């Protein structure tokens, strides 16, 4: 069906997220250029624990950006939401 982009600096997160994707979707990780998202990618997971949250705006023009975090605090999530991301 398609690829989902993961932007992260954390090892192992790609394996964790691949398990929750619907059948037919493949997770492509560590391609840190918005041009990849512009090439028809509809979903981008952005790890706000290891990648600056400002990058959300670069990807959100052409894709749904989903912020991923290990933080239990709401601050990083709220910041990501104000930049245009969804949170899971």
PDB file of N, CA and C in Angstrom:
ATOM      1  N   UNK A   1       0.815  -1.206   0.000  1.00  0.00           N
ATOM      2  CA  UNK A   1       0.000   0.000   0.000  1.00  0.00           C
ATOM      3  C   UNK A   1       0.851   1.259   0.000  1.00  0.00           C
ATOM      4  N   UNK A   2       1.884   1.302   0.845  1.00  0.00           N
ATOM      5  CA  UNK A   2       2.694   2.494   0.855  1.00  0.00           C
ATOM      6  C   UNK A   2       3.741   2.469   1.941  1.00  0.00           C
ATOM      7  N   UNK A   3       4.536   3.514   1.929  1.00  0.00           N
ATOM      8  CA  UNK A   3       5.583   3.669   2.921  1.00  0.00           C
ATOM      9  C   UNK A   3       5.207   4.740   3.921  1.00  0.00           C
ATOM     10  N   UNK A   4       5.656   4.555   5.144  1.00  0.00           N
ATOM     11  CA  UNK A   4       5.497   5.534   6.198  1.00  0.00           C
ATOM     12  C   UNK A   4       6.901   5.946   6.604  1.00  0.00           C
ATOM     13  N   UNK A   5       7.162   7.226   6.657  1.00  0.00           N
ATOM     14  CA  UNK A   5       8.485   7.729   6.996  1.00  0.00           C
ATOM     15  C   UNK A   5       8.621   7.888   8.502  1.00  0.00           C
ATOM     16  N   UNK A   6       9.761   7.445   9.041  1.00  0.00           N
ATOM     17  CA  UNK A   6      10.103   7.666  10.440  1.00  0.00           C
ATOM     18  C   UNK A   6      11.351   8.519  10.493  1.00  0.00           C
ATOM     19  N   UNK A   7      11.259   9.657  11.168  1.00  0.00           N
ATOM     20  CA  UNK A   7      12.409  10.532  11.357  1.00  0.00           C
ATOM     21  C   UNK A   7      12.799  10.437  12.820  1.00  0.00           C
ATOM     22  N   UNK A   8      13.962   9.847  13.088  1.00  0.00           N
ATOM     23  CA  UNK A   8      14.390   9.617  14.459  1.00  0.00           C
ATOM     24  C   UNK A   8      15.905   9.515  14.545  1.00  0.00           C
ATOM     25  N   UNK A   9      16.410   9.675  15.732  1.00  0.00           N
ATOM     26  CA  UNK A   9      17.814   9.440  16.014  1.00  0.00           C
ATOM     27  C   UNK A   9      17.963   8.289  16.997  1.00  0.00           C
ATOM     28  N   UNK A  10      16.868   7.622  17.275  1.00  0.00           N
ATOM     29  CA  UNK A  10      16.833   6.561  18.281  1.00  0.00           C
ATOM     30  C   UNK A  10      16.827   5.191  17.614  1.00  0.00           C
ATOM     31  N   UNK A  11      17.752   4.337  18.009  1.00  0.00           N
ATOM     32  CA  UNK A  11      17.818   2.977  17.470  1.00  0.00           C
ATOM     33  C   UNK A  11      16.685   2.130  18.041  1.00  0.00           C
ATOM     34  N   UNK A  12      16.131   1.275  17.216  1.00  0.00           N
ATOM     35  CA  UNK A  12      15.108   0.347  17.661  1.00  0.00           C
ATOM     36  C   UNK A  12      13.682   0.836  17.546  1.00  0.00           C
ATOM     37  N   UNK A  13      13.490   2.135  17.387  1.00  0.00           N
ATOM     38  CA  UNK A  13      12.129   2.662  17.293  1.00  0.00           C
ATOM     39  C   UNK A  13      11.434   2.181  16.023  1.00  0.00           C
ATOM     40  N   UNK A  14      12.190   2.009  14.950  1.00  0.00           N
ATOM     41  CA  UNK A  14      11.593   1.544  13.700  1.00  0.00           C
ATOM     42  C   UNK A  14      10.977   0.159  13.847  1.00  0.00           C
ATOM     43  N   UNK A  15      11.636  -0.734  14.545  1.00  0.00           N
ATOM     44  CA  UNK A  15      11.094  -2.081  14.748  1.00  0.00           C
ATOM     45  C   UNK A  15       9.820  -2.030  15.590  1.00  0.00           C
ATOM     46  N   UNK A  16       9.828  -1.171  16.588  1.00  0.00           N
ATOM     47  CA  UNK A  16       8.664  -1.027  17.471  1.00  0.00           C
ATOM     48  C   UNK A  16       7.446  -0.510  16.705  1.00  0.00           C
ATOM     49  N   UNK A  17       7.647   0.493  15.864  1.00  0.00           N
ATOM     50  CA  UNK A  17       6.535   1.078  15.123  1.00  0.00           C
ATOM     51  C   UNK A  17       6.067   0.201  13.966  1.00  0.00           C
ATOM     52  N   UNK A  18       6.975  -0.548  13.352  1.00  0.00           N
ATOM     53  CA  UNK A  18       6.585  -1.419  12.241  1.00  0.00           C
ATOM     54  C   UNK A  18       5.526  -2.414  12.692  1.00  0.00           C
ATOM     55  N   UNK A  19       5.602  -2.846  13.938  1.00  0.00           N
ATOM     56  CA  UNK A  19       4.658  -3.827  14.468  1.00  0.00           C
ATOM     57  C   UNK A  19       3.227  -3.302  14.545  1.00  0.00           C
ATOM     58  N   UNK A  20       3.052  -1.992  14.651  1.00  0.00           N
ATOM     59  CA  UNK A  20       1.708  -1.431  14.800  1.00  0.00           C
ATOM     60  C   UNK A  20       1.113  -0.907  13.493  1.00  0.00           C
ATOM     61  N   UNK A  21       1.882  -0.934  12.422  1.00  0.00           N
ATOM     62  CA  UNK A  21       1.364  -0.462  11.137  1.00  0.00           C
ATOM     63  C   UNK A  21       0.429  -1.494  10.528  1.00  0.00           C
ATOM     64  N   UNK A  22      -0.596  -1.039   9.822  1.00  0.00           N
ATOM     65  CA  UNK A  22      -1.487  -1.982   9.139  1.00  0.00           C
ATOM     66  C   UNK A  22      -0.726  -2.779   8.075  1.00  0.00           C
ATOM     67  N   UNK A  23      -1.239  -3.942   7.751  1.00  0.00           N
ATOM     68  CA  UNK A  23      -0.626  -4.786   6.733  1.00  0.00           C
ATOM     69  C   UNK A  23      -0.509  -4.016   5.420  1.00  0.00           C
ATOM     70  N   UNK A  24       0.605  -4.181   4.760  1.00  0.00           N
ATOM     71  CA  UNK A  24       0.815  -3.528   3.478  1.00  0.00           C
ATOM     72  C   UNK A  24       1.616  -2.241   3.566  1.00  0.00           C
ATOM     73  N   UNK A  25       1.818  -1.732   4.767  1.00  0.00           N
ATOM     74  CA  UNK A  25       2.614  -0.521   4.938  1.00  0.00           C
ATOM     75  C   UNK A  25       4.017  -0.884   5.399  1.00  0.00           C
ATOM     76  N   UNK A  26       4.984  -0.180   4.893  1.00  0.00           N
ATOM     77  CA  UNK A  26       6.379  -0.408   5.257  1.00  0.00           C
ATOM     78  C   UNK A  26       6.929   0.863   5.888  1.00  0.00           C
ATOM     79  N   UNK A  27       7.668   0.710   6.965  1.00  0.00           N
ATOM     80  CA  UNK A  27       8.278   1.847   7.641  1.00  0.00           C
ATOM     81  C   UNK A  27       9.667   2.090   7.059  1.00  0.00           C
ATOM     82  N   UNK A  28       9.903   3.303   6.595  1.00  0.00           N
ATOM     83  CA  UNK A  28      11.197   3.710   6.069  1.00  0.00           C
ATOM     84  C   UNK A  28      11.761   4.709   7.060  1.00  0.00           C
ATOM     85  N   UNK A  29      12.964   4.429   7.580  1.00  0.00           N
ATOM     86  CA  UNK A  29      13.465   5.292   8.646  1.00  0.00           C
ATOM     87  C   UNK A  29      14.744   6.022   8.268  1.00  0.00           C
ATOM     88  N   UNK A  30      14.966   7.107   9.006  1.00  0.00           N
ATOM     89  CA  UNK A  30      16.171   7.914   8.941  1.00  0.00           C
ATOM     90  C   UNK A  30      16.449   8.514   7.572  1.00  0.00           C
ATOM     91  N   UNK A  31      15.406   8.863   6.865  1.00  0.00           N
ATOM     92  CA  UNK A  31      15.527   9.667   5.665  1.00  0.00           C
ATOM     93  C   UNK A  31      15.129  11.065   6.114  1.00  0.00           C
ATOM     94  N   UNK A  32      16.098  11.905   6.377  1.00  0.00           N
ATOM     95  CA  UNK A  32      15.819  13.183   7.039  1.00  0.00           C
ATOM     96  C   UNK A  32      15.673  14.328   6.044  1.00  0.00           C
ATOM     97  N   UNK A  33      14.907  14.130   5.020  1.00  0.00           N
ATOM     98  CA  UNK A  33      14.675  15.213   4.085  1.00  0.00           C
ATOM     99  C   UNK A  33      13.197  15.321   3.753  1.00  0.00           C
ATOM    100  N   UNK A  34      12.645  16.488   3.826  1.00  0.00           N
ATOM    101  CA  UNK A  34      11.236  16.682   3.498  1.00  0.00           C
ATOM    102  C   UNK A  34      10.889  16.270   2.076  1.00  0.00           C
ATOM    103  N   UNK A  35      11.862  16.249   1.169  1.00  0.00           N
ATOM    104  CA  UNK A  35      11.588  15.848  -0.218  1.00  0.00           C
ATOM    105  C   UNK A  35      11.041  14.427  -0.270  1.00  0.00           C
ATOM    106  N   UNK A  36      11.480  13.571   0.637  1.00  0.00           N
ATOM    107  CA  UNK A  36      10.969  12.207   0.699  1.00  0.00           C
ATOM    108  C   UNK A  36       9.476  12.234   0.992  1.00  0.00           C
ATOM    109  N   UNK A  37       9.063  13.085   1.897  1.00  0.00           N
ATOM    110  CA  UNK A  37       7.642  13.206   2.229  1.00  0.00           C
ATOM    111  C   UNK A  37       6.863  13.780   1.048  1.00  0.00           C
ATOM    112  N   UNK A  38       7.470  14.659   0.302  1.00  0.00           N
ATOM    113  CA  UNK A  38       6.791  15.260  -0.844  1.00  0.00           C
ATOM    114  C   UNK A  38       6.565  14.253  -1.962  1.00  0.00           C
ATOM    115  N   UNK A  39       7.299  13.158  -1.938  1.00  0.00           N
ATOM    116  CA  UNK A  39       7.188  12.156  -3.003  1.00  0.00           C
ATOM    117  C   UNK A  39       6.006  11.224  -2.770  1.00  0.00           C
ATOM    118  N   UNK A  40       4.933  11.720  -2.191  1.00  0.00           N
ATOM    119  CA  UNK A  40       3.716  10.945  -2.053  1.00  0.00           C
ATOM    120  C   UNK A  40       3.560  10.211  -0.733  1.00  0.00           C
ATOM    121  N   UNK A  41       4.383  10.497   0.232  1.00  0.00           N
ATOM    122  CA  UNK A  41       4.253   9.851   1.533  1.00  0.00           C
ATOM    123  C   UNK A  41       3.188  10.598   2.316  1.00  0.00           C
ATOM    124  N   UNK A  42       2.205   9.877   2.811  1.00  0.00           N
ATOM    125  CA  UNK A  42       1.103  10.536   3.487  1.00  0.00           C
ATOM    126  C   UNK A  42       1.302  10.641   4.988  1.00  0.00           C
ATOM    127  N   UNK A  43       2.121   9.769   5.561  1.00  0.00           N
ATOM    128  CA  UNK A  43       2.305   9.764   7.007  1.00  0.00           C
ATOM    129  C   UNK A  43       3.775   9.819   7.366  1.00  0.00           C
ATOM    130  N   UNK A  44       4.089  10.645   8.353  1.00  0.00           N
ATOM    131  CA  UNK A  44       5.453  10.763   8.860  1.00  0.00           C
ATOM    132  C   UNK A  44       5.401  10.650  10.372  1.00  0.00           C
ATOM    133  N   UNK A  45       6.141   9.699  10.934  1.00  0.00           N
ATOM    134  CA  UNK A  45       6.353   9.639  12.380  1.00  0.00           C
ATOM    135  C   UNK A  45       7.605  10.445  12.668  1.00  0.00           C
ATOM    136  N   UNK A  46       7.501  11.425  13.550  1.00  0.00           N
ATOM    137  CA  UNK A  46       8.657  12.240  13.913  1.00  0.00           C
ATOM    138  C   UNK A  46       8.901  12.090  15.408  1.00  0.00           C
ATOM    139  N   UNK A  47      10.070  11.585  15.753  1.00  0.00           N
ATOM    140  CA  UNK A  47      10.451  11.346  17.144  1.00  0.00           C
ATOM    141  C   UNK A  47      10.920  12.665  17.750  1.00  0.00           C
ATOM    142  N   UNK A  48      10.039  13.309  18.517  1.00  0.00           N
ATOM    143  CA  UNK A  48      10.377  14.625  19.057  1.00  0.00           C
ATOM    144  C   UNK A  48      11.354  14.544  20.219  1.00  0.00           C
ATOM    145  N   UNK A  49      11.729  13.337  20.638  1.00  0.00           N
ATOM    146  CA  UNK A  49      12.752  13.185  21.667  1.00  0.00           C
ATOM    147  C   UNK A  49      14.153  13.282  21.081  1.00  0.00           C
ATOM    148  N   UNK A  50      14.308  13.006  19.786  1.00  0.00           N
ATOM    149  CA  UNK A  50      15.645  13.001  19.196  1.00  0.00           C
ATOM    150  C   UNK A  50      15.787  13.906  17.976  1.00  0.00           C
ATOM    151  N   UNK A  51      14.696  14.494  17.528  1.00  0.00           N
ATOM    152  CA  UNK A  51      14.718  15.369  16.356  1.00  0.00           C
ATOM    153  C   UNK A  51      14.043  16.682  16.753  1.00  0.00           C
ATOM    154  N   UNK A  52      14.610  17.823  16.359  1.00  0.00           N
ATOM    155  CA  UNK A  52      13.989  19.102  16.722  1.00  0.00           C
ATOM    156  C   UNK A  52      12.538  19.196  16.241  1.00  0.00           C
ATOM    157  N   UNK A  53      11.665  19.613  17.121  1.00  0.00           N
ATOM    158  CA  UNK A  53      10.252  19.739  16.803  1.00  0.00           C
ATOM    159  C   UNK A  53       9.964  20.683  15.654  1.00  0.00           C
ATOM    160  N   UNK A  54      10.859  21.626  15.402  1.00  0.00           N
ATOM    161  CA  UNK A  54      10.650  22.581  14.304  1.00  0.00           C
ATOM    162  C   UNK A  54      10.580  21.875  12.952  1.00  0.00           C
ATOM    163  N   UNK A  55      11.124  20.668  12.865  1.00  0.00           N
ATOM    164  CA  UNK A  55      11.081  19.939  11.596  1.00  0.00           C
ATOM    165  C   UNK A  55       9.661  19.511  11.240  1.00  0.00           C
ATOM    166  N   UNK A  56       8.768  19.550  12.205  1.00  0.00           N
ATOM    167  CA  UNK A  56       7.372  19.195  11.935  1.00  0.00           C
ATOM    168  C   UNK A  56       6.818  20.045  10.807  1.00  0.00           C
ATOM    169  N   UNK A  57       7.092  21.315  10.827  1.00  0.00           N
ATOM    170  CA  UNK A  57       6.568  22.228   9.788  1.00  0.00           C
ATOM    171  C   UNK A  57       7.078  21.852   8.404  1.00  0.00           C
ATOM    172  N   UNK A  58       8.322  21.363   8.322  1.00  0.00           N
ATOM    173  CA  UNK A  58       8.884  20.979   7.028  1.00  0.00           C
ATOM    174  C   UNK A  58       8.105  19.832   6.400  1.00  0.00           C
ATOM    175  N   UNK A  59       7.641  18.917   7.227  1.00  0.00           N
ATOM    176  CA  UNK A  59       6.951  17.742   6.724  1.00  0.00           C
ATOM    177  C   UNK A  59       5.437  17.920   6.637  1.00  0.00           C
ATOM    178  N   UNK A  60       4.869  18.772   7.475  1.00  0.00           N
ATOM    179  CA  UNK A  60       3.414  18.850   7.586  1.00  0.00           C
ATOM    180  C   UNK A  60       2.737  19.520   6.393  1.00  0.00           C
ATOM    181  N   UNK A  61       3.485  20.135   5.516  1.00  0.00           N
ATOM    182  CA  UNK A  61       2.875  20.745   4.331  1.00  0.00           C
ATOM    183  C   UNK A  61       2.260  19.697   3.407  1.00  0.00           C
ATOM    184  N   UNK A  62       2.889  18.529   3.328  1.00  0.00           N
ATOM    185  CA  UNK A  62       2.450  17.507   2.377  1.00  0.00           C
ATOM    186  C   UNK A  62       2.072  16.178   3.019  1.00  0.00           C
ATOM    187  N   UNK A  63       2.195  16.078   4.330  1.00  0.00           N
ATOM    188  CA  UNK A  63       1.973  14.805   5.009  1.00  0.00           C
ATOM    189  C   UNK A  63       1.331  15.030   6.364  1.00  0.00           C
ATOM    190  N   UNK A  64       0.721  13.967   6.887  1.00  0.00           N
ATOM    191  CA  UNK A  64       0.263  13.983   8.266  1.00  0.00           C
ATOM    192  C   UNK A  64       1.459  13.630   9.133  1.00  0.00           C
ATOM    193  N   UNK A  65       1.817  14.506  10.039  1.00  0.00           N
ATOM    194  CA  UNK A  65       2.952  14.262  10.925  1.00  0.00           C
ATOM    195  C   UNK A  65       2.416  13.799  12.271  1.00  0.00           C
ATOM    196  N   UNK A  66       2.927  12.663  12.712  1.00  0.00           N
ATOM    197  CA  UNK A  66       2.534  12.105  13.998  1.00  0.00           C
ATOM    198  C   UNK A  66       3.744  12.166  14.917  1.00  0.00           C
ATOM    199  N   UNK A  67       3.619  12.923  16.001  1.00  0.00           N
ATOM    200  CA  UNK A  67       4.712  13.073  16.953  1.00  0.00           C
ATOM    201  C   UNK A  67       4.778  11.837  17.840  1.00  0.00           C
ATOM    202  N   UNK A  68       5.982  11.301  17.982  1.00  0.00           N
ATOM    203  CA  UNK A  68       6.220  10.135  18.819  1.00  0.00           C
ATOM    204  C   UNK A  68       7.161  10.560  19.933  1.00  0.00           C
ATOM    205  N   UNK A  69       6.835  10.178  21.180  1.00  0.00           N
ATOM    206  CA  UNK A  69       7.677  10.556  22.310  1.00  0.00           C
ATOM    207  C   UNK A  69       7.591   9.517  23.424  1.00  0.00           C
ATOM    208  N   UNK A  70       8.658   9.444  24.210  1.00  0.00           N
ATOM    209  CA  UNK A  70       8.669   8.620  25.421  1.00  0.00           C
ATOM    210  C   UNK A  70       8.350   9.463  26.649  1.00  0.00           C
ATOM    211  N   UNK A  71       8.292  10.759  26.463  1.00  0.00           N
ATOM    212  CA  UNK A  71       8.056  11.682  27.581  1.00  0.00           C
ATOM    213  C   UNK A  71       6.658  11.502  28.162  1.00  0.00           C
ATOM    214  N   UNK A  72       6.573  11.581  29.463  1.00  0.00           N
ATOM    215  CA  UNK A  72       5.268  11.555  30.114  1.00  0.00           C
ATOM    216  C   UNK A  72       4.735  12.966  30.349  1.00  0.00           C
ATOM    217  N   UNK A  73       5.612  13.946  30.212  1.00  0.00           N
ATOM    218  CA  UNK A  73       5.184  15.338  30.365  1.00  0.00           C
ATOM    219  C   UNK A  73       4.388  15.765  29.139  1.00  0.00           C
ATOM    220  N   UNK A  74       3.487  16.692  29.334  1.00  0.00           N
ATOM    221  CA  UNK A  74       2.668  17.160  28.220  1.00  0.00           C
ATOM    222  C   UNK A  74       3.321  18.286  27.428  1.00  0.00           C
ATOM    223  N   UNK A  75       4.347  18.914  27.967  1.00  0.00           N
ATOM    224  CA  UNK A  75       4.987  20.043  27.295  1.00  0.00           C
ATOM    225  C   UNK A  75       5.458  19.750  25.884  1.00  0.00           C
ATOM    226  N   UNK A  76       6.279  18.703  25.679  1.00  0.00           N
ATOM    227  CA  UNK A  76       6.739  18.404  24.318  1.00  0.00           C
ATOM    228  C   UNK A  76       5.597  18.072  23.363  1.00  0.00           C
ATOM    229  N   UNK A  77       4.587  17.398  23.862  1.00  0.00           N
ATOM    230  CA  UNK A  77       3.442  17.037  23.031  1.00  0.00           C
ATOM    231  C   UNK A  77       2.661  18.279  22.625  1.00  0.00           C
ATOM    232  N   UNK A  78       2.448  19.176  23.553  1.00  0.00           N
ATOM    233  CA  UNK A  78       1.722  20.415  23.247  1.00  0.00           C
ATOM    234  C   UNK A  78       2.495  21.253  22.234  1.00  0.00           C
ATOM    235  N   UNK A  79       3.814  21.315  22.396  1.00  0.00           N
ATOM    236  CA  UNK A  79       4.638  22.067  21.444  1.00  0.00           C
ATOM    237  C   UNK A  79       4.526  21.452  20.050  1.00  0.00           C
ATOM    238  N   UNK A  80       4.602  20.138  19.973  1.00  0.00           N
ATOM    239  CA  UNK A  80       4.487  19.458  18.676  1.00  0.00           C
ATOM    240  C   UNK A  80       3.130  19.723  18.049  1.00  0.00           C
ATOM    241  N   UNK A  81       2.077  19.727  18.851  1.00  0.00           N
ATOM    242  CA  UNK A  81       0.738  19.987  18.327  1.00  0.00           C
ATOM    243  C   UNK A  81       0.619  21.408  17.790  1.00  0.00           C
ATOM    244  N   UNK A  82       1.238  22.371  18.449  1.00  0.00           N
ATOM    245  CA  UNK A  82       1.184  23.747  17.950  1.00  0.00           C
ATOM    246  C   UNK A  82       1.956  23.919  16.660  1.00  0.00           C
ATOM    247  N   UNK A  83       2.909  23.016  16.400  1.00  0.00           N
ATOM    248  CA  UNK A  83       3.681  23.060  15.165  1.00  0.00           C
ATOM    249  C   UNK A  83       3.008  22.281  14.034  1.00  0.00           C
ATOM    250  N   UNK A  84       1.887  21.608  14.350  1.00  0.00           N
ATOM    251  CA  UNK A  84       1.127  20.938  13.308  1.00  0.00           C
ATOM    252  C   UNK A  84       1.141  19.421  13.348  1.00  0.00           C
ATOM    253  N   UNK A  85       1.597  18.815  14.444  1.00  0.00           N
ATOM    254  CA  UNK A  85       1.667  17.361  14.524  1.00  0.00           C
ATOM    255  C   UNK A  85       0.481  16.790  15.302  1.00  0.00           C
ATOM    256  N   UNK A  86       0.253  15.523  15.065  1.00  0.00           N
ATOM    257  CA  UNK A  86      -0.681  14.736  15.843  1.00  0.00           C
ATOM    258  C   UNK A  86       0.148  13.932  16.845  1.00  0.00           C
ATOM    259  N   UNK A  87      -0.448  13.466  17.913  1.00  0.00           N
ATOM    260  CA  UNK A  87       0.307  12.734  18.934  1.00  0.00           C
ATOM    261  C   UNK A  87      -0.287  11.356  19.126  1.00  0.00           C
ATOM    262  N   UNK A  88       0.624  10.355  19.253  1.00  0.00           N
ATOM    263  CA  UNK A  88       0.145   8.999  19.588  1.00  0.00           C
ATOM    264  C   UNK A  88       0.855   8.524  20.830  1.00  0.00           C
TER     265      UNK A  88
END
